Amino acid sequence: MFVCPSQVRSACSGCSSCSSLCGQKGAKRDLSLTAAARQFAAPQMKPQVSGVVSSKLRNDMLEVKFGDGTEGRLPFVWLRDNCQCPQCFSVEALGRKLLMDDLDVEVQPTEVEETMDGLMVKWSDGHQSEYSTNWLQNRSFTPTSRALHRERYALRREPWGAEHTMKNFDYNTLMSDDRVLLDWLLTMERKGSAMVKNAPKKDVAGPELIEHIAFVKQSHYGPHSPVINRPNSNNVAFTNAKLGLHNDLPAYEHMPGIIFIQCLAQHPGAGGESIVTDGLFAAEELRRKRPEDFKILSSTDMYFWDKGHANYSWEMPEFYKIAKFPVIKVNGNNEVVQIAVSNTTRDSHMDLPPQEVKKYYAAYKRFYIILSANAMTFKMEQGDMMTLDNVRCLHGRESYDADSQRHIETSYLDWDEARCRRRRLQEKFGCFI
């Protein structure tokens, strides 16, 4: 497996051209926690006003005021748990050495000293800790500091409908220019879709681009899949039949994050057109128009399965996958984090009382109607490589003649690796908030 040496990078001194990529300048959006965080980001790049100027013990927290006028409320147990001394934290491994066994959740400061560099605390367990101003401000539990870290974790996704146009990128430029690669990563995280043009005519062009970013996510179909009309096919996608809107591989508990769909040869004439829609947009439409349907689809698990045999030597000889989760997955804040739709691999087994089945089907069908109503249809050309957020966007295709030479290749990249590379490139170009 090829590993790009540029994947581990240190922060550079900054560049003005990158700020437009990261949305720190000229962004037109409603004022929100994220927007406030970006407004706050610029001072982070400048020298800090020195130190902590005052502190006050209040209940189980230390209220501090920084030299630039900002304030924070720091829980005692959190401060002690995050002591940065060599005994408690490894600066080389960037990991906590303090064991939970040794943490007293009732720990109290016995002495607090504000310094030009930050804060010194002596604890009731006999330990002494020091914290820098920057470190404390970045973690000060304010709405701004919390929103900043949410943005480091994952960028705010921007829903779109049928009027959406994918942003174009050049394959060779992505492979050679890290600024353009960062732009693609940011686009994928926000919009969930982009078109890569001028991909080389070889079946591993997708995996080679992925390996320039991080690692290929393998499946039981191997590192890449020829989507052609195969004899003795092990998946409906590998036939000439029409494919409804779907996410790839929902039979995996950890679905692939980004799918790379490369056109090596297109079917001439009518047939083989691609259909793409934004599941995030459709889910929010469903929530707004049919809240009971949204509740059903976000709270009821559905089985997905995939069972078969190898068509090629690089595939798993025999496979039998089963996963179970809601069609619309939400997090603790009730935000949509995953869509899982696939009529071909949706299991006939349903873990429901029979009297609830029809109601579930009705909700599912209404969601699918919204997905279809907001889809766009187009025909990829040789050299096109469509990239989609596979846990958000759905794709499908029109049927085509059985004897067609149409040849599409698919490969996958996990979101963990894509966001990892995005953060490192933001550090490299000095635009990491």
Protein backbone atom coordinates (compact mmCIF):
# COMPACT_ATOMS: atom_id res chain seq x y z
CA MET A 1 0.00 0.00 0.00
CA PHE A 2 1.38 3.38 -0.99
CA VAL A 3 1.65 5.85 1.91
CA CYS A 4 2.12 9.51 1.00
CA PRO A 5 4.97 11.03 3.04
CA SER A 6 3.12 14.35 3.11
CA GLN A 7 0.35 12.93 5.28
CA VAL A 8 2.17 13.92 8.49
CA ARG A 9 2.78 17.64 8.40
CA SER A 10 3.52 20.48 10.76
CA ALA A 11 1.82 23.87 10.69
CA CYS A 12 3.29 26.52 8.43
CA SER A 13 3.46 30.25 9.11
CA GLY A 14 0.19 30.94 7.30
CA CYS A 15 -0.93 32.14 3.90
CA SER A 16 -3.54 34.64 2.86
CA SER A 17 -4.75 32.71 -0.17
CA CYS A 18 -5.86 29.78 1.97
CA SER A 19 -8.25 31.79 4.09
CA SER A 20 -10.82 31.82 1.30
CA LEU A 21 -10.71 28.04 1.18
CA CYS A 22 -11.36 27.72 4.88
CA GLY A 23 -14.16 30.27 4.91
CA GLN A 24 -12.52 32.69 7.32
CA LYS A 25 -12.96 35.71 5.03
CA GLY A 26 -15.88 36.90 2.98
CA ALA A 27 -18.27 34.20 4.14
CA LYS A 28 -21.93 35.11 3.60
CA ARG A 29 -24.02 33.13 6.06
CA ASP A 30 -26.29 33.66 9.04
CA LEU A 31 -24.49 34.53 12.26
CA SER A 32 -24.20 31.29 14.23
CA LEU A 33 -21.87 29.63 16.68
CA THR A 34 -19.79 28.48 13.73
CA ALA A 35 -19.69 31.96 12.24
CA ALA A 36 -18.79 33.43 15.62
CA ALA A 37 -16.04 30.86 15.93
CA ARG A 38 -14.60 31.88 12.58
CA GLN A 39 -14.70 35.53 13.56
CA PHE A 40 -12.83 34.56 16.70
CA ALA A 41 -10.30 32.52 14.73
CA ALA A 42 -8.34 35.49 13.35
CA PRO A 43 -7.06 36.67 16.76
CA GLN A 44 -5.93 33.10 17.42
CA MET A 45 -3.33 33.55 14.69
CA LYS A 46 -1.92 36.66 16.43
CA PRO A 47 0.19 36.92 19.63
CA GLN A 48 -2.02 36.46 22.69
CA VAL A 49 -2.46 39.20 25.27
CA SER A 50 -0.41 37.88 28.19
CA GLY A 51 -1.73 35.49 30.73
CA VAL A 52 -4.60 35.02 33.08
CA VAL A 53 -5.30 38.27 34.92
CA SER A 54 -7.76 37.04 37.53
CA SER A 55 -9.37 33.89 38.86
CA LYS A 56 -12.15 33.10 41.32
CA LEU A 57 -13.30 29.84 42.92
CA ARG A 58 -17.03 29.34 42.50
CA ASN A 59 -18.71 26.04 43.41
CA ASP A 60 -16.80 23.33 41.49
CA MET A 61 -15.31 25.70 38.93
CA LEU A 62 -12.53 28.18 38.50
CA GLU A 63 -13.73 31.38 36.82
CA VAL A 64 -10.86 33.02 34.95
CA LYS A 65 -10.39 36.26 33.03
CA PHE A 66 -7.75 36.37 30.32
CA GLY A 67 -5.54 39.32 29.38
CA ASP A 68 -7.56 39.99 26.22
CA GLY A 69 -10.77 40.42 28.22
CA THR A 70 -12.32 37.03 27.47
CA GLU A 71 -13.50 34.78 30.29
CA GLY A 72 -13.91 31.09 30.94
CA ARG A 73 -15.36 28.72 33.56
CA LEU A 74 -13.12 25.71 34.16
CA PRO A 75 -14.43 22.75 36.20
CA PHE A 76 -11.95 21.55 38.85
CA VAL A 77 -12.16 17.87 37.88
CA TRP A 78 -11.57 18.74 34.21
CA LEU A 79 -8.52 20.86 35.06
CA ARG A 80 -7.00 18.10 37.18
CA ASP A 81 -7.79 15.42 34.58
CA ASN A 82 -6.03 17.49 31.93
CA CYS A 83 -2.86 18.38 33.81
CA GLN A 84 -0.12 18.93 31.22
CA CYS A 85 2.88 17.96 33.37
CA PRO A 86 5.16 15.07 32.23
CA GLN A 87 3.76 12.82 34.96
CA CYS A 88 0.18 13.23 33.69
CA PHE A 89 0.62 13.86 29.95
CA SER A 90 3.01 12.67 27.22
CA VAL A 91 4.00 15.62 25.05
CA GLU A 92 5.63 13.22 22.56
CA ALA A 93 2.63 10.90 22.18
CA LEU A 94 0.09 13.70 22.78
CA GLY A 95 -1.82 11.45 25.15
CA ARG A 96 -2.98 11.45 28.77
CA LYS A 97 -0.92 9.30 31.15
CA LEU A 98 -3.08 9.97 34.18
CA LEU A 99 -5.22 6.91 34.91
CA MET A 100 -8.90 7.20 35.71
CA ASP A 101 -8.17 5.01 38.74
CA ASP A 102 -6.09 7.88 40.16
CA LEU A 103 -8.50 10.75 39.43
CA ASP A 104 -10.46 12.13 42.37
CA VAL A 105 -13.65 13.65 40.96
CA GLU A 106 -14.02 15.72 44.14
CA VAL A 107 -10.55 17.24 43.82
CA GLN A 108 -10.22 20.90 44.90
CA PRO A 109 -7.59 23.60 44.34
CA THR A 110 -5.66 24.57 47.44
CA GLU A 111 -3.74 27.36 45.74
CA VAL A 112 -4.19 29.19 42.42
CA GLU A 113 -1.67 31.59 40.91
CA GLU A 114 -2.19 33.69 37.78
CA THR A 115 0.98 34.11 35.70
CA MET A 116 2.11 35.87 32.51
CA ASP A 117 2.10 32.46 30.84
CA GLY A 118 -1.20 31.16 32.18
CA LEU A 119 -2.19 29.46 35.39
CA MET A 120 -0.61 27.40 38.20
CA VAL A 121 -2.82 25.24 40.44
CA LYS A 122 -1.95 23.23 43.55
CA TRP A 123 -4.46 20.44 44.26
CA SER A 124 -5.93 18.77 47.31
CA ASP A 125 -4.38 15.47 46.15
CA GLY A 126 -0.92 17.05 46.52
CA HIS A 127 -0.30 17.51 42.78
CA GLN A 128 0.68 20.76 41.04
CA SER A 129 -0.36 21.71 37.50
CA GLU A 130 0.48 24.48 35.07
CA TYR A 131 -1.59 25.52 32.05
CA SER A 132 -0.76 27.94 29.23
CA THR A 133 -3.09 30.79 28.30
CA ASN A 134 -3.63 29.55 24.73
CA TRP A 135 -4.38 26.03 25.92
CA LEU A 136 -6.96 27.26 28.44
CA GLN A 137 -8.64 29.70 26.05
CA ASN A 138 -9.03 27.04 23.36
CA ARG A 139 -10.85 24.82 25.88
CA SER A 140 -12.61 27.39 28.06
CA PHE A 141 -16.15 25.95 27.67
CA THR A 142 -17.46 29.17 26.10
CA PRO A 143 -19.91 28.89 23.18
CA THR A 144 -17.14 30.19 20.91
CA SER A 145 -14.47 27.72 22.01
CA ARG A 146 -16.92 24.82 21.77
CA ALA A 147 -18.03 25.88 18.29
CA LEU A 148 -14.40 26.20 17.19
CA HIS A 149 -13.71 22.60 18.08
CA ARG A 150 -16.90 21.39 16.43
CA GLU A 151 -15.54 22.94 13.24
CA ARG A 152 -12.21 21.18 13.72
CA TYR A 153 -14.08 17.93 14.13
CA ALA A 154 -16.36 18.33 11.12
CA LEU A 155 -17.39 21.25 8.93
CA ARG A 156 -21.00 22.37 8.75
CA ARG A 157 -22.76 20.55 5.92
CA GLU A 158 -24.76 22.60 3.43
CA PRO A 159 -27.87 20.85 2.00
CA TRP A 160 -28.77 21.19 -1.68
CA GLY A 161 -31.59 20.28 -4.04
CA ALA A 162 -32.02 19.44 -7.73
CA GLU A 163 -30.61 22.81 -8.82
CA HIS A 164 -27.19 21.91 -7.41
CA THR A 165 -24.12 21.96 -9.69
CA MET A 166 -21.09 19.97 -8.64
CA LYS A 167 -17.79 21.81 -8.40
CA ASN A 168 -15.18 20.55 -10.88
CA PHE A 169 -11.60 19.56 -10.03
CA ASP A 170 -8.78 18.29 -12.24
CA TYR A 171 -7.39 14.86 -11.37
CA ASN A 172 -3.72 15.66 -12.00
CA THR A 173 -3.97 18.95 -10.10
CA LEU A 174 -5.44 17.12 -7.09
CA MET A 175 -2.46 14.77 -7.22
CA SER A 176 0.10 17.59 -7.39
CA ASP A 177 -1.29 20.67 -5.61
CA ASP A 178 -2.16 20.39 -1.93
CA ARG A 179 -4.07 23.69 -1.98
CA VAL A 180 -6.46 22.26 -4.56
CA LEU A 181 -6.66 19.00 -2.63
CA LEU A 182 -7.67 20.98 0.48
CA ASP A 183 -10.32 22.79 -1.57
CA TRP A 184 -11.71 19.40 -2.67
CA LEU A 185 -11.72 18.10 0.92
CA LEU A 186 -13.54 21.21 2.15
CA THR A 187 -16.03 20.97 -0.73
CA MET A 188 -16.72 17.32 0.00
CA GLU A 189 -17.25 17.96 3.68
CA ARG A 190 -19.61 20.89 3.12
CA LYS A 191 -21.43 19.92 -0.09
CA GLY A 192 -20.90 16.16 -0.14
CA SER A 193 -20.28 16.11 -3.89
CA ALA A 194 -17.70 17.08 -6.51
CA MET A 195 -16.70 16.05 -10.03
CA VAL A 196 -13.10 15.19 -10.79
CA LYS A 197 -12.27 15.63 -14.48
CA ASN A 198 -9.55 14.09 -16.67
CA ALA A 199 -9.01 10.94 -14.63
CA PRO A 200 -6.56 8.56 -16.38
CA LYS A 201 -8.10 5.64 -18.23
CA LYS A 202 -7.11 2.87 -15.83
CA ASP A 203 -9.15 0.93 -13.32
CA VAL A 204 -6.99 1.94 -10.34
CA ALA A 205 -7.20 5.72 -10.89
CA GLY A 206 -9.61 5.98 -7.96
CA PRO A 207 -7.46 3.96 -5.53
CA GLU A 208 -4.36 5.92 -6.58
CA LEU A 209 -6.08 9.23 -5.81
CA ILE A 210 -7.32 7.84 -2.50
CA GLU A 211 -3.83 6.63 -1.58
CA HIS A 212 -2.54 10.16 -2.23
CA ILE A 213 -4.99 11.28 0.48
CA ALA A 214 -4.84 8.37 2.92
CA PHE A 215 -5.89 4.72 2.52
CA VAL A 216 -8.40 2.83 0.40
CA LYS A 217 -11.30 1.38 2.40
CA GLN A 218 -11.48 -2.25 1.39
CA SER A 219 -14.74 -4.15 1.09
CA HIS A 220 -15.51 -7.75 0.19
CA TYR A 221 -15.38 -6.50 -3.42
CA GLY A 222 -11.71 -5.59 -2.95
CA PRO A 223 -9.96 -2.20 -3.33
CA HIS A 224 -12.07 -1.30 -6.40
CA SER A 225 -15.09 -2.70 -8.21
CA PRO A 226 -15.69 -2.91 -11.98
CA VAL A 227 -19.32 -1.85 -12.38
CA ILE A 228 -20.08 -3.65 -15.62
CA ASN A 229 -22.68 -6.14 -16.80
CA ARG A 230 -21.01 -9.23 -15.33
CA PRO A 231 -21.99 -12.83 -15.95
CA ASN A 232 -23.05 -14.63 -12.75
CA SER A 233 -23.09 -11.22 -11.03
CA ASN A 234 -22.75 -10.97 -7.25
CA ASN A 235 -24.58 -7.61 -7.02
CA VAL A 236 -27.49 -6.02 -8.90
CA ALA A 237 -25.21 -3.01 -9.56
CA PHE A 238 -23.05 -5.30 -11.71
CA THR A 239 -25.87 -5.82 -14.21
CA ASN A 240 -27.44 -3.51 -16.80
CA ALA A 241 -30.60 -3.00 -14.73
CA LYS A 242 -31.87 0.38 -13.57
CA LEU A 243 -30.58 1.16 -10.06
CA GLY A 244 -32.73 3.14 -7.68
CA LEU A 245 -31.25 5.81 -5.44
CA HIS A 246 -28.99 4.21 -2.85
CA ASN A 247 -25.97 4.52 -0.61
CA ASP A 248 -23.22 1.97 -1.17
CA LEU A 249 -22.61 -0.89 1.27
CA PRO A 250 -25.18 -0.22 4.01
CA ALA A 251 -24.64 -3.88 4.96
CA TYR A 252 -21.47 -2.65 6.68
CA GLU A 253 -21.81 -1.38 10.26
CA HIS A 254 -19.25 1.26 9.27
CA MET A 255 -20.37 2.33 5.80
CA PRO A 256 -17.74 3.79 3.43
CA GLY A 257 -17.52 7.57 3.86
CA ILE A 258 -16.69 8.80 0.34
CA ILE A 259 -17.32 6.90 -2.89
CA PHE A 260 -15.23 7.54 -6.03
CA ILE A 261 -17.22 6.67 -9.18
CA GLN A 262 -15.01 6.71 -12.27
CA CYS A 263 -16.27 6.51 -15.85
CA LEU A 264 -13.88 4.46 -18.03
CA ALA A 265 -16.39 3.93 -20.84
CA GLN A 266 -19.92 5.29 -21.18
CA HIS A 267 -22.87 3.72 -22.93
CA PRO A 268 -23.58 5.62 -26.18
CA GLY A 269 -27.07 6.94 -26.71
CA ALA A 270 -29.86 6.72 -24.16
CA GLY A 271 -29.16 4.73 -21.02
CA GLY A 272 -26.59 4.71 -18.24
CA GLU A 273 -27.39 8.22 -16.97
CA SER A 274 -26.43 8.96 -13.35
CA ILE A 275 -28.98 10.11 -10.78
CA VAL A 276 -27.77 11.90 -7.63
CA THR A 277 -29.60 13.42 -4.66
CA ASP A 278 -28.75 14.89 -1.26
CA GLY A 279 -30.13 12.70 1.51
CA LEU A 280 -29.46 15.41 4.09
CA PHE A 281 -31.71 17.83 2.20
CA ALA A 282 -34.43 15.18 1.86
CA ALA A 283 -34.23 14.19 5.54
CA GLU A 284 -34.68 17.79 6.66
CA GLU A 285 -37.59 18.18 4.24
CA LEU A 286 -39.17 15.06 5.72
CA ARG A 287 -38.60 16.33 9.26
CA ARG A 288 -40.28 19.64 8.36
CA LYS A 289 -43.23 18.24 6.38
CA ARG A 290 -43.77 14.81 7.98
CA PRO A 291 -42.27 14.81 11.49
CA GLU A 292 -43.92 11.49 12.39
CA ASP A 293 -42.32 9.84 9.35
CA PHE A 294 -38.96 11.31 10.33
CA LYS A 295 -39.38 9.90 13.83
CA ILE A 296 -40.20 6.44 12.49
CA LEU A 297 -37.23 6.35 10.10
CA SER A 298 -34.80 7.77 12.66
CA SER A 299 -35.83 5.54 15.55
CA THR A 300 -36.53 2.19 13.86
CA ASP A 301 -33.67 -0.11 12.90
CA MET A 302 -33.61 -1.65 9.44
CA TYR A 303 -31.59 -4.72 8.42
CA PHE A 304 -29.33 -4.55 5.35
CA TRP A 305 -27.55 -7.60 3.99
CA ASP A 306 -25.15 -8.62 1.23
CA LYS A 307 -24.40 -12.26 0.48
CA GLY A 308 -22.52 -13.73 -2.44
CA HIS A 309 -19.39 -15.08 -4.04
CA ALA A 310 -16.37 -13.66 -5.83
CA ASN A 311 -16.43 -12.66 -9.49
CA TYR A 312 -12.73 -11.69 -9.47
CA SER A 313 -9.62 -12.96 -7.73
CA TRP A 314 -9.29 -9.85 -5.54
CA GLU A 315 -12.78 -10.25 -4.09
CA MET A 316 -13.63 -12.22 -0.95
CA PRO A 317 -14.41 -15.79 -2.10
CA GLU A 318 -17.64 -15.86 -0.09
CA PHE A 319 -19.27 -13.08 1.90
CA TYR A 320 -22.32 -12.66 4.11
CA LYS A 321 -22.76 -9.24 5.71
CA ILE A 322 -25.61 -8.00 7.90
CA ALA A 323 -25.92 -4.54 9.48
CA LYS A 324 -28.75 -2.95 11.42
CA PHE A 325 -29.47 0.76 11.94
CA PRO A 326 -32.11 3.37 11.10
CA VAL A 327 -32.48 4.68 7.54
CA ILE A 328 -31.95 8.16 9.03
CA LYS A 329 -29.37 8.16 11.82
CA VAL A 330 -29.26 11.15 14.18
CA ASN A 331 -26.78 12.06 16.91
CA GLY A 332 -27.41 13.25 20.47
CA ASN A 333 -28.26 16.72 19.17
CA ASN A 334 -30.85 15.24 16.78
CA GLU A 335 -28.68 16.19 13.79
CA VAL A 336 -28.77 13.87 10.78
CA VAL A 337 -25.40 12.10 10.53
CA GLN A 338 -26.11 9.20 8.15
CA ILE A 339 -28.57 8.11 5.49
CA ALA A 340 -28.83 4.42 4.60
CA VAL A 341 -31.04 3.56 1.64
CA SER A 342 -30.64 0.59 -0.68
CA ASN A 343 -33.60 -1.23 -2.13
CA THR A 344 -31.39 -4.03 -3.44
CA THR A 345 -29.80 -4.89 -0.08
CA ARG A 346 -32.63 -3.90 2.27
CA ASP A 347 -33.34 -7.15 4.08
CA SER A 348 -36.69 -8.98 3.96
CA HIS A 349 -36.27 -9.63 7.68
CA MET A 350 -37.81 -6.83 9.76
CA ASP A 351 -37.43 -6.61 13.53
CA LEU A 352 -40.91 -5.14 13.98
CA PRO A 353 -44.33 -6.27 15.18
CA PRO A 354 -46.38 -7.03 12.04
CA GLN A 355 -48.93 -4.31 12.79
CA GLU A 356 -46.19 -1.65 12.49
CA VAL A 357 -44.81 -2.79 9.12
CA LYS A 358 -47.22 -0.96 6.81
CA LYS A 359 -46.74 2.31 8.70
CA TYR A 360 -42.98 1.91 8.31
CA TYR A 361 -43.29 1.26 4.56
CA ALA A 362 -45.47 4.36 4.15
CA ALA A 363 -42.88 6.56 5.88
CA TYR A 364 -40.05 5.01 3.88
CA LYS A 365 -41.90 5.52 0.58
CA ARG A 366 -42.65 9.17 1.37
CA PHE A 367 -38.97 9.73 2.15
CA TYR A 368 -37.97 8.10 -1.14
CA ILE A 369 -40.40 10.33 -3.05
CA ILE A 370 -38.68 13.41 -1.58
CA LEU A 371 -35.27 11.97 -2.48
CA SER A 372 -36.37 11.41 -6.07
CA ALA A 373 -38.12 14.77 -6.44
CA ASN A 374 -34.89 16.59 -5.57
CA ALA A 375 -32.49 14.48 -7.64
CA MET A 376 -30.43 15.63 -10.61
CA THR A 377 -29.78 13.48 -13.68
CA PHE A 378 -26.77 13.73 -15.99
CA LYS A 379 -24.46 11.51 -18.01
CA MET A 380 -20.85 11.03 -17.00
CA GLU A 381 -18.20 11.03 -19.73
CA GLN A 382 -14.99 9.07 -20.03
CA GLY A 383 -12.47 10.65 -17.65
CA ASP A 384 -15.11 11.84 -15.17
CA MET A 385 -14.81 10.70 -11.57
CA MET A 386 -17.77 11.62 -9.40
CA THR A 387 -17.03 11.82 -5.67
CA LEU A 388 -19.90 11.65 -3.19
CA ASP A 389 -20.35 11.63 0.57
CA ASN A 390 -21.68 8.08 0.73
CA VAL A 391 -23.34 8.46 4.14
CA ARG A 392 -25.23 11.52 2.92
CA CYS A 393 -25.73 11.54 -0.86
CA LEU A 394 -27.48 8.80 -2.83
CA HIS A 395 -26.84 7.80 -6.41
CA GLY A 396 -28.50 5.60 -9.01
CA ARG A 397 -28.46 5.00 -12.76
CA GLU A 398 -30.72 4.36 -15.69
CA SER A 399 -30.66 0.94 -17.34
CA TYR A 400 -28.64 0.34 -20.49
CA ASP A 401 -28.28 -2.31 -23.21
CA ALA A 402 -27.00 -5.67 -21.99
CA ASP A 403 -24.24 -5.83 -24.63
CA SER A 404 -22.95 -2.33 -23.83
CA GLN A 405 -19.26 -1.76 -23.05
CA ARG A 406 -20.16 0.72 -20.29
CA HIS A 407 -17.49 0.50 -17.57
CA ILE A 408 -17.60 2.31 -14.23
CA GLU A 409 -15.12 1.77 -11.37
CA THR A 410 -15.87 2.43 -7.71
CA SER A 411 -13.58 2.74 -4.70
CA TYR A 412 -13.92 4.16 -1.20
CA LEU A 413 -12.28 6.45 1.35
CA ASP A 414 -13.33 6.69 5.00
CA TRP A 415 -14.32 10.07 6.42
CA ASP A 416 -11.93 9.61 9.34
CA GLU A 417 -9.01 9.68 6.91
CA ALA A 418 -10.41 12.50 4.75
CA ARG A 419 -10.95 14.77 7.76
CA CYS A 420 -7.52 13.84 9.08
CA ARG A 421 -5.90 15.04 5.85
CA ARG A 422 -8.08 18.17 5.81
CA ARG A 423 -6.91 19.16 9.32
CA ARG A 424 -3.25 18.58 8.46
CA LEU A 425 -3.51 20.63 5.28
CA GLN A 426 -5.25 23.42 7.18
CA GLU A 427 -2.32 23.40 9.60
CA LYS A 428 0.13 23.38 6.71
CA PHE A 429 -1.44 26.46 5.14
CA GLY A 430 -1.98 28.28 8.44
CA CYS A 431 -5.78 28.38 8.22
CA PHE A 432 -6.69 25.87 10.91
CA ILE A 433 -9.13 27.44 13.34
